[in-house]
Amino acid sequence: MIEKTITKRGVEGAAGGRAVAATVKALVAMIGEGRWSSGTVLPPQRELAKLLQISRATLREAISVLLTTGEIKALDNGRGFTIADPADEPKGPVWPHAARYSLREVYQLRHVVESYAAQLAAMSRTDANLVELRQALEAFRAAAVSGDLMAYTEADFEFHRQILAISGNRLLVDMHRTFAGVMLESQRMPAFRPGDLWPAVKEHELILEAIERGDPDGANYYMRKHISTGGSRSGLAPTELP
């Protein structure tokens, strides 16, 4: 039912899309209505996907969002999810990949990889590349104005993905694709914390301007600064930032 209301645009992409947003909204409503009480184990993903008439890929993305916002918790054995107790609700979003990589490690990697990718992009961008980057920036700006956090994260992820692609380094592109889920979650963290969405938009503008004028040093600098401030907005302490 949910996905039938979505256009043919890529709703199963790494950044989620409107089908994921609709799924998150539906699950939050079901939890709020008491369909599952605190501590209850959610039905298996196959059953949930059938209940909501969505694909399991969309459901996995929605569950990832609910883990980040603290609505649900992963079981210790990794074989399911339980409804979180509102009394134990965290003050900010929860980093869902803590068992594998710390948030600090992810931002350290992004600091190195994405700043270098921005530097390469400034040296190899084409007019067509710049058009696509401007479109991603406009989508990011519009989502910030409307306060649509799902669209905001999607546009943020797309802007950074495009810069990796423009860099022309296939290994960087493949690495980012392999860890797309982890990278996406790191970009969700600041979006789901209280605060102004606009500073990140201005930071994207500075990165794009440097790439547009063919300034590799400037692109590298503004991307490094953006990643560092993004880590700060995600809750990392100054001593943990690159």
C-alpha atoms as a PDB file:
ATOM      1  CA  MET A   1       0.000   0.000   0.000  1.00  0.00           C
ATOM      2  CA  ILE A   2       2.698   2.490   0.964  1.00  0.00           C
ATOM      3  CA  GLU A   3       4.845   2.028  -2.133  1.00  0.00           C
ATOM      4  CA  LYS A   4       1.868   2.211  -4.484  1.00  0.00           C
ATOM      5  CA  THR A   5       1.537   5.883  -3.585  1.00  0.00           C
ATOM      6  CA  ILE A   6       5.146   6.628  -4.547  1.00  0.00           C
ATOM      7  CA  THR A   7       6.232   7.750  -8.002  1.00  0.00           C
ATOM      8  CA  LYS A   8       8.553   5.685 -10.203  1.00  0.00           C
ATOM      9  CA  ARG A   9      11.498   7.655  -8.833  1.00  0.00           C
ATOM     10  CA  GLY A  10      14.106   5.503  -7.042  1.00  0.00           C
ATOM     11  CA  VAL A  11      12.384   4.746  -3.763  1.00  0.00           C
ATOM     12  CA  GLU A  12      14.756   1.879  -2.960  1.00  0.00           C
ATOM     13  CA  GLY A  13      17.939   3.980  -3.158  1.00  0.00           C
ATOM     14  CA  ALA A  14      20.581   4.163  -0.428  1.00  0.00           C
ATOM     15  CA  ALA A  15      19.095   7.352   0.975  1.00  0.00           C
ATOM     16  CA  GLY A  16      15.620   5.871   1.474  1.00  0.00           C
ATOM     17  CA  GLY A  17      13.205   8.176  -0.339  1.00  0.00           C
ATOM     18  CA  ARG A  18       9.571   8.923   0.307  1.00  0.00           C
ATOM     19  CA  ALA A  19       8.585   5.253   0.653  1.00  0.00           C
ATOM     20  CA  VAL A  20      10.907   4.987   3.650  1.00  0.00           C
ATOM     21  CA  ALA A  21       9.513   8.196   5.157  1.00  0.00           C
ATOM     22  CA  ALA A  22       5.966   6.855   4.760  1.00  0.00           C
ATOM     23  CA  THR A  23       6.998   3.541   6.325  1.00  0.00           C
ATOM     24  CA  VAL A  24       8.622   5.272   9.292  1.00  0.00           C
ATOM     25  CA  LYS A  25       5.484   7.354   9.812  1.00  0.00           C
ATOM     26  CA  ALA A  26       3.271   4.263   9.655  1.00  0.00           C
ATOM     27  CA  LEU A  27       5.386   2.301  12.130  1.00  0.00           C
ATOM     28  CA  VAL A  28       5.622   5.216  14.577  1.00  0.00           C
ATOM     29  CA  ALA A  29       1.832   5.578  14.416  1.00  0.00           C
ATOM     30  CA  MET A  30       1.347   1.861  15.072  1.00  0.00           C
ATOM     31  CA  ILE A  31       3.712   2.018  18.055  1.00  0.00           C
ATOM     32  CA  GLY A  32       1.967   5.131  19.383  1.00  0.00           C
ATOM     33  CA  GLU A  33      -1.431   3.464  19.071  1.00  0.00           C
ATOM     34  CA  GLY A  34      -0.214   0.591  21.240  1.00  0.00           C
ATOM     35  CA  ARG A  35      -0.129  -2.120  18.607  1.00  0.00           C
ATOM     36  CA  TRP A  36       3.100  -3.277  20.267  1.00  0.00           C
ATOM     37  CA  SER A  37       3.867  -2.453  23.890  1.00  0.00           C
ATOM     38  CA  SER A  38       7.269  -1.472  25.302  1.00  0.00           C
ATOM     39  CA  GLY A  39       9.660  -4.406  25.314  1.00  0.00           C
ATOM     40  CA  THR A  40       7.635  -6.330  22.740  1.00  0.00           C
ATOM     41  CA  VAL A  41       9.646  -7.945  19.955  1.00  0.00           C
ATOM     42  CA  LEU A  42       8.619  -6.664  16.544  1.00  0.00           C
ATOM     43  CA  PRO A  43       7.277  -9.254  14.102  1.00  0.00           C
ATOM     44  CA  PRO A  44       9.823 -10.694  11.659  1.00  0.00           C
ATOM     45  CA  GLN A  45      10.686  -8.382   8.781  1.00  0.00           C
ATOM     46  CA  ARG A  46       8.988 -10.680   6.289  1.00  0.00           C
ATOM     47  CA  GLU A  47       5.694 -10.320   8.190  1.00  0.00           C
ATOM     48  CA  LEU A  48       6.058  -6.564   8.647  1.00  0.00           C
ATOM     49  CA  ALA A  49       6.810  -6.043   4.972  1.00  0.00           C
ATOM     50  CA  LYS A  50       3.736  -8.054   4.043  1.00  0.00           C
ATOM     51  CA  LEU A  51       1.583  -6.159   6.562  1.00  0.00           C
ATOM     52  CA  LEU A  52       2.652  -2.772   5.179  1.00  0.00           C
ATOM     53  CA  GLN A  53       2.811  -4.034   1.578  1.00  0.00           C
ATOM     54  CA  ILE A  54       6.328  -2.746   1.051  1.00  0.00           C
ATOM     55  CA  SER A  55       9.607  -4.319   0.016  1.00  0.00           C
ATOM     56  CA  ARG A  56      12.008  -5.600   2.626  1.00  0.00           C
ATOM     57  CA  ALA A  57      14.623  -3.129   1.353  1.00  0.00           C
ATOM     58  CA  THR A  58      12.308  -0.220   2.242  1.00  0.00           C
ATOM     59  CA  LEU A  59      11.510  -1.816   5.597  1.00  0.00           C
ATOM     60  CA  ARG A  60      15.211  -2.225   6.430  1.00  0.00           C
ATOM     61  CA  GLU A  61      15.811   1.474   5.768  1.00  0.00           C
ATOM     62  CA  ALA A  62      12.811   2.436   7.914  1.00  0.00           C
ATOM     63  CA  ILE A  63      14.025   0.220  10.760  1.00  0.00           C
ATOM     64  CA  SER A  64      17.436   1.882  10.511  1.00  0.00           C
ATOM     65  CA  VAL A  65      15.770   5.274  10.986  1.00  0.00           C
ATOM     66  CA  LEU A  66      13.793   4.018  14.000  1.00  0.00           C
ATOM     67  CA  LEU A  67      17.001   2.672  15.541  1.00  0.00           C
ATOM     68  CA  THR A  68      18.613   6.075  15.073  1.00  0.00           C
ATOM     69  CA  THR A  69      15.692   7.936  16.643  1.00  0.00           C
ATOM     70  CA  GLY A  70      15.476   5.449  19.516  1.00  0.00           C
ATOM     71  CA  GLU A  71      11.930   4.226  18.814  1.00  0.00           C
ATOM     72  CA  ILE A  72      13.194   0.627  18.735  1.00  0.00           C
ATOM     73  CA  LYS A  73      16.238  -1.254  20.001  1.00  0.00           C
ATOM     74  CA  ALA A  74      18.158  -4.159  18.523  1.00  0.00           C
ATOM     75  CA  LEU A  75      18.134  -7.400  20.493  1.00  0.00           C
ATOM     76  CA  ASP A  76      21.495  -8.420  21.935  1.00  0.00           C
ATOM     77  CA  ASN A  77      21.562 -11.534  19.757  1.00  0.00           C
ATOM     78  CA  GLY A  78      21.011  -9.393  16.670  1.00  0.00           C
ATOM     79  CA  ARG A  79      17.932 -11.359  15.680  1.00  0.00           C
ATOM     80  CA  GLY A  80      15.207  -8.799  16.000  1.00  0.00           C
ATOM     81  CA  PHE A  81      14.064  -5.523  17.476  1.00  0.00           C
ATOM     82  CA  THR A  82      12.042  -4.488  20.500  1.00  0.00           C
ATOM     83  CA  ILE A  83       9.902  -1.447  21.175  1.00  0.00           C
ATOM     84  CA  ALA A  84      11.863   0.998  23.327  1.00  0.00           C
ATOM     85  CA  ASP A  85      10.512   2.089  26.699  1.00  0.00           C
ATOM     86  CA  PRO A  86       9.666   5.835  26.546  1.00  0.00           C
ATOM     87  CA  ALA A  87      11.099   6.183  30.062  1.00  0.00           C
ATOM     88  CA  ASP A  88      14.479   5.115  28.684  1.00  0.00           C
ATOM     89  CA  GLU A  89      14.277   7.367  25.638  1.00  0.00           C
ATOM     90  CA  PRO A  90      17.739   8.795  24.793  1.00  0.00           C
ATOM     91  CA  LYS A  91      18.309  12.528  24.674  1.00  0.00           C
ATOM     92  CA  GLY A  92      19.581  12.333  21.113  1.00  0.00           C
ATOM     93  CA  PRO A  93      19.741   9.909  18.198  1.00  0.00           C
ATOM     94  CA  VAL A  94      21.386   6.541  18.751  1.00  0.00           C
ATOM     95  CA  TRP A  95      24.332   5.455  16.608  1.00  0.00           C
ATOM     96  CA  PRO A  96      23.125   2.076  15.265  1.00  0.00           C
ATOM     97  CA  HIS A  97      26.510   0.735  14.084  1.00  0.00           C
ATOM     98  CA  ALA A  98      28.322   1.023  17.418  1.00  0.00           C
ATOM     99  CA  ALA A  99      29.041  -2.715  17.543  1.00  0.00           C
ATOM    100  CA  ARG A 100      31.055  -2.486  14.311  1.00  0.00           C
ATOM    101  CA  TYR A 101      32.414   1.058  14.057  1.00  0.00           C
ATOM    102  CA  SER A 102      32.312   4.027  16.373  1.00  0.00           C
ATOM    103  CA  LEU A 103      30.835   7.244  15.041  1.00  0.00           C
ATOM    104  CA  ARG A 104      34.260   8.806  15.549  1.00  0.00           C
ATOM    105  CA  GLU A 105      35.848   6.209  13.236  1.00  0.00           C
ATOM    106  CA  VAL A 106      33.302   6.915  10.523  1.00  0.00           C
ATOM    107  CA  TYR A 107      33.913  10.655  10.672  1.00  0.00           C
ATOM    108  CA  GLN A 108      37.664  10.082  10.617  1.00  0.00           C
ATOM    109  CA  LEU A 109      37.271   8.065   7.425  1.00  0.00           C
ATOM    110  CA  ARG A 110      34.937  10.603   5.856  1.00  0.00           C
ATOM    111  CA  HIS A 111      37.329  13.406   6.755  1.00  0.00           C
ATOM    112  CA  VAL A 112      40.120  11.759   4.741  1.00  0.00           C
ATOM    113  CA  VAL A 113      38.150  10.252   1.856  1.00  0.00           C
ATOM    114  CA  GLU A 114      35.618  12.971   1.111  1.00  0.00           C
ATOM    115  CA  SER A 115      37.988  15.912   1.411  1.00  0.00           C
ATOM    116  CA  TYR A 116      40.323  14.252  -1.093  1.00  0.00           C
ATOM    117  CA  ALA A 117      37.377  13.401  -3.350  1.00  0.00           C
ATOM    118  CA  ALA A 118      36.308  17.065  -3.294  1.00  0.00           C
ATOM    119  CA  GLN A 119      39.859  18.057  -4.252  1.00  0.00           C
ATOM    120  CA  LEU A 120      39.815  15.655  -7.210  1.00  0.00           C
ATOM    121  CA  ALA A 121      36.313  16.769  -8.201  1.00  0.00           C
ATOM    122  CA  ALA A 122      37.461  20.390  -8.453  1.00  0.00           C
ATOM    123  CA  MET A 123      40.048  19.290 -11.012  1.00  0.00           C
ATOM    124  CA  SER A 124      37.851  17.023 -13.112  1.00  0.00           C
ATOM    125  CA  ARG A 125      34.272  18.389 -12.950  1.00  0.00           C
ATOM    126  CA  THR A 126      32.313  18.989 -16.124  1.00  0.00           C
ATOM    127  CA  ASP A 127      29.435  21.348 -16.801  1.00  0.00           C
ATOM    128  CA  ALA A 128      27.045  18.394 -16.559  1.00  0.00           C
ATOM    129  CA  ASN A 129      28.519  17.457 -13.172  1.00  0.00           C
ATOM    130  CA  LEU A 130      27.975  20.989 -11.890  1.00  0.00           C
ATOM    131  CA  VAL A 131      24.350  20.977 -13.016  1.00  0.00           C
ATOM    132  CA  GLU A 132      23.710  17.784 -11.036  1.00  0.00           C
ATOM    133  CA  LEU A 133      25.509  19.124  -7.973  1.00  0.00           C
ATOM    134  CA  ARG A 134      23.459  22.316  -8.083  1.00  0.00           C
ATOM    135  CA  GLN A 135      20.271  20.217  -8.279  1.00  0.00           C
ATOM    136  CA  ALA A 136      21.332  18.200  -5.225  1.00  0.00           C
ATOM    137  CA  LEU A 137      22.113  21.435  -3.387  1.00  0.00           C
ATOM    138  CA  GLU A 138      18.709  22.894  -4.290  1.00  0.00           C
ATOM    139  CA  ALA A 139      16.990  19.756  -3.002  1.00  0.00           C
ATOM    140  CA  PHE A 140      19.022  20.026   0.211  1.00  0.00           C
ATOM    141  CA  ARG A 141      18.105  23.704   0.604  1.00  0.00           C
ATOM    142  CA  ALA A 142      14.394  23.028  -0.018  1.00  0.00           C
ATOM    143  CA  ALA A 143      14.339  20.214   2.545  1.00  0.00           C
ATOM    144  CA  ALA A 144      16.011  22.470   5.126  1.00  0.00           C
ATOM    145  CA  VAL A 145      13.359  25.140   4.547  1.00  0.00           C
ATOM    146  CA  SER A 146      10.483  22.651   4.829  1.00  0.00           C
ATOM    147  CA  GLY A 147      12.027  20.752   7.747  1.00  0.00           C
ATOM    148  CA  ASP A 148      11.625  17.433   5.915  1.00  0.00           C
ATOM    149  CA  LEU A 149      14.355  15.410   7.648  1.00  0.00           C
ATOM    150  CA  MET A 150      14.106  12.391   5.370  1.00  0.00           C
ATOM    151  CA  ALA A 151      14.410  14.506   2.223  1.00  0.00           C
ATOM    152  CA  TYR A 152      17.161  16.526   3.900  1.00  0.00           C
ATOM    153  CA  THR A 153      19.234  13.426   4.598  1.00  0.00           C
ATOM    154  CA  GLU A 154      18.552  12.034   1.133  1.00  0.00           C
ATOM    155  CA  ALA A 155      19.749  15.223  -0.575  1.00  0.00           C
ATOM    156  CA  ASP A 156      22.765  15.431   1.729  1.00  0.00           C
ATOM    157  CA  PHE A 157      23.792  11.880   0.884  1.00  0.00           C
ATOM    158  CA  GLU A 158      23.282  12.502  -2.849  1.00  0.00           C
ATOM    159  CA  PHE A 159      25.453  15.641  -2.830  1.00  0.00           C
ATOM    160  CA  HIS A 160      28.332  13.763  -1.216  1.00  0.00           C
ATOM    161  CA  ARG A 161      27.824  10.698  -3.444  1.00  0.00           C
ATOM    162  CA  GLN A 162      28.044  12.856  -6.552  1.00  0.00           C
ATOM    163  CA  ILE A 163      31.311  14.412  -5.411  1.00  0.00           C
ATOM    164  CA  LEU A 164      32.771  10.928  -4.934  1.00  0.00           C
ATOM    165  CA  ALA A 165      31.618  10.025  -8.454  1.00  0.00           C
ATOM    166  CA  ILE A 166      33.022  13.223  -9.982  1.00  0.00           C
ATOM    167  CA  SER A 167      36.407  12.519  -8.380  1.00  0.00           C
ATOM    168  CA  GLY A 168      36.898   9.797 -10.970  1.00  0.00           C
ATOM    169  CA  ASN A 169      38.528   7.451  -8.453  1.00  0.00           C
ATOM    170  CA  ARG A 170      36.662   4.177  -8.845  1.00  0.00           C
ATOM    171  CA  LEU A 171      38.091   2.701  -5.653  1.00  0.00           C
ATOM    172  CA  LEU A 172      36.750   5.620  -3.603  1.00  0.00           C
ATOM    173  CA  VAL A 173      33.379   5.245  -5.309  1.00  0.00           C
ATOM    174  CA  ASP A 174      33.249   1.489  -4.652  1.00  0.00           C
ATOM    175  CA  MET A 175      34.286   1.932  -1.025  1.00  0.00           C
ATOM    176  CA  HIS A 176      31.572   4.529  -0.462  1.00  0.00           C
ATOM    177  CA  ARG A 177      29.012   2.266  -2.123  1.00  0.00           C
ATOM    178  CA  THR A 178      30.079  -0.692   0.033  1.00  0.00           C
ATOM    179  CA  PHE A 179      29.635   1.313   3.222  1.00  0.00           C
ATOM    180  CA  ALA A 180      26.703   3.396   1.986  1.00  0.00           C
ATOM    181  CA  GLY A 181      24.494   2.352   4.885  1.00  0.00           C
ATOM    182  CA  VAL A 182      27.070   3.394   7.471  1.00  0.00           C
ATOM    183  CA  MET A 183      27.802   6.666   5.669  1.00  0.00           C
ATOM    184  CA  LEU A 184      24.092   7.445   5.404  1.00  0.00           C
ATOM    185  CA  GLU A 185      23.568   6.864   9.110  1.00  0.00           C
ATOM    186  CA  SER A 186      26.423   9.247   9.918  1.00  0.00           C
ATOM    187  CA  GLN A 187      24.582  11.894   7.888  1.00  0.00           C
ATOM    188  CA  ARG A 188      21.301  11.163   9.643  1.00  0.00           C
ATOM    189  CA  MET A 189      22.823  11.767  13.066  1.00  0.00           C
ATOM    190  CA  PRO A 190      23.055  15.590  12.868  1.00  0.00           C
ATOM    191  CA  ALA A 191      19.705  15.825  11.067  1.00  0.00           C
ATOM    192  CA  PHE A 192      17.865  14.027  13.877  1.00  0.00           C
ATOM    193  CA  ARG A 193      19.454  16.069  16.655  1.00  0.00           C
ATOM    194  CA  PRO A 194      17.878  19.379  17.737  1.00  0.00           C
ATOM    195  CA  GLY A 195      19.409  22.320  15.941  1.00  0.00           C
ATOM    196  CA  ASP A 196      19.413  24.517  12.869  1.00  0.00           C
ATOM    197  CA  LEU A 197      19.497  22.693   9.533  1.00  0.00           C
ATOM    198  CA  TRP A 198      20.743  25.731   7.648  1.00  0.00           C
ATOM    199  CA  PRO A 199      24.500  25.775   8.512  1.00  0.00           C
ATOM    200  CA  ALA A 200      25.097  22.542   6.587  1.00  0.00           C
ATOM    201  CA  VAL A 201      23.402  24.086   3.544  1.00  0.00           C
ATOM    202  CA  LYS A 202      25.814  27.024   3.646  1.00  0.00           C
ATOM    203  CA  GLU A 203      28.711  24.588   3.977  1.00  0.00           C
ATOM    204  CA  HIS A 204      27.539  22.718   0.874  1.00  0.00           C
ATOM    205  CA  GLU A 205      27.385  26.020  -0.975  1.00  0.00           C
ATOM    206  CA  LEU A 206      31.032  26.763  -0.154  1.00  0.00           C
ATOM    207  CA  ILE A 207      32.109  23.300  -1.296  1.00  0.00           C
ATOM    208  CA  LEU A 208      30.214  23.660  -4.563  1.00  0.00           C
ATOM    209  CA  GLU A 209      31.597  27.139  -5.202  1.00  0.00           C
ATOM    210  CA  ALA A 210      35.158  25.836  -4.800  1.00  0.00           C
ATOM    211  CA  ILE A 211      34.475  22.942  -7.167  1.00  0.00           C
ATOM    212  CA  GLU A 212      32.841  25.286  -9.678  1.00  0.00           C
ATOM    213  CA  ARG A 213      35.836  27.617  -9.822  1.00  0.00           C
ATOM    214  CA  GLY A 214      38.260  24.700 -10.104  1.00  0.00           C
ATOM    215  CA  ASP A 215      39.872  25.328  -6.723  1.00  0.00           C
ATOM    216  CA  PRO A 216      41.097  21.940  -5.393  1.00  0.00           C
ATOM    217  CA  ASP A 217      42.655  23.354  -2.227  1.00  0.00           C
ATOM    218  CA  GLY A 218      39.494  25.277  -1.420  1.00  0.00           C
ATOM    219  CA  ALA A 219      37.277  22.248  -2.082  1.00  0.00           C
ATOM    220  CA  ASN A 220      39.468  20.123   0.174  1.00  0.00           C
ATOM    221  CA  TYR A 221      39.414  22.747   2.934  1.00  0.00           C
ATOM    222  CA  TYR A 222      35.665  23.362   2.880  1.00  0.00           C
ATOM    223  CA  MET A 223      34.869  19.656   2.788  1.00  0.00           C
ATOM    224  CA  ARG A 224      37.175  18.961   5.734  1.00  0.00           C
ATOM    225  CA  LYS A 225      35.554  21.783   7.670  1.00  0.00           C
ATOM    226  CA  HIS A 226      32.087  20.511   6.761  1.00  0.00           C
ATOM    227  CA  ILE A 227      32.865  16.961   7.918  1.00  0.00           C
ATOM    228  CA  SER A 228      34.313  18.242  11.200  1.00  0.00           C
ATOM    229  CA  THR A 229      31.314  20.446  11.961  1.00  0.00           C
ATOM    230  CA  GLY A 230      29.010  17.606  10.943  1.00  0.00           C
ATOM    231  CA  GLY A 231      30.718  15.415  13.519  1.00  0.00           C
ATOM    232  CA  SER A 232      30.169  18.117  16.108  1.00  0.00           C
ATOM    233  CA  ARG A 233      26.481  18.363  15.182  1.00  0.00           C
ATOM    234  CA  SER A 234      26.297  14.565  15.523  1.00  0.00           C
ATOM    235  CA  GLY A 235      27.353  14.797  19.145  1.00  0.00           C
ATOM    236  CA  LEU A 236      31.085  14.091  18.912  1.00  0.00           C
ATOM    237  CA  ALA A 237      33.226  15.957  21.435  1.00  0.00           C
ATOM    238  CA  PRO A 238      35.885  18.389  20.139  1.00  0.00           C
ATOM    239  CA  THR A 239      38.604  15.919  21.182  1.00  0.00           C
ATOM    240  CA  GLU A 240      37.004  13.252  18.940  1.00  0.00           C
ATOM    241  CA  LEU A 241      36.874  15.369  15.801  1.00  0.00           C
ATOM    242  CA  PRO A 242      39.475  15.144  13.021  1.00  0.00           C
END
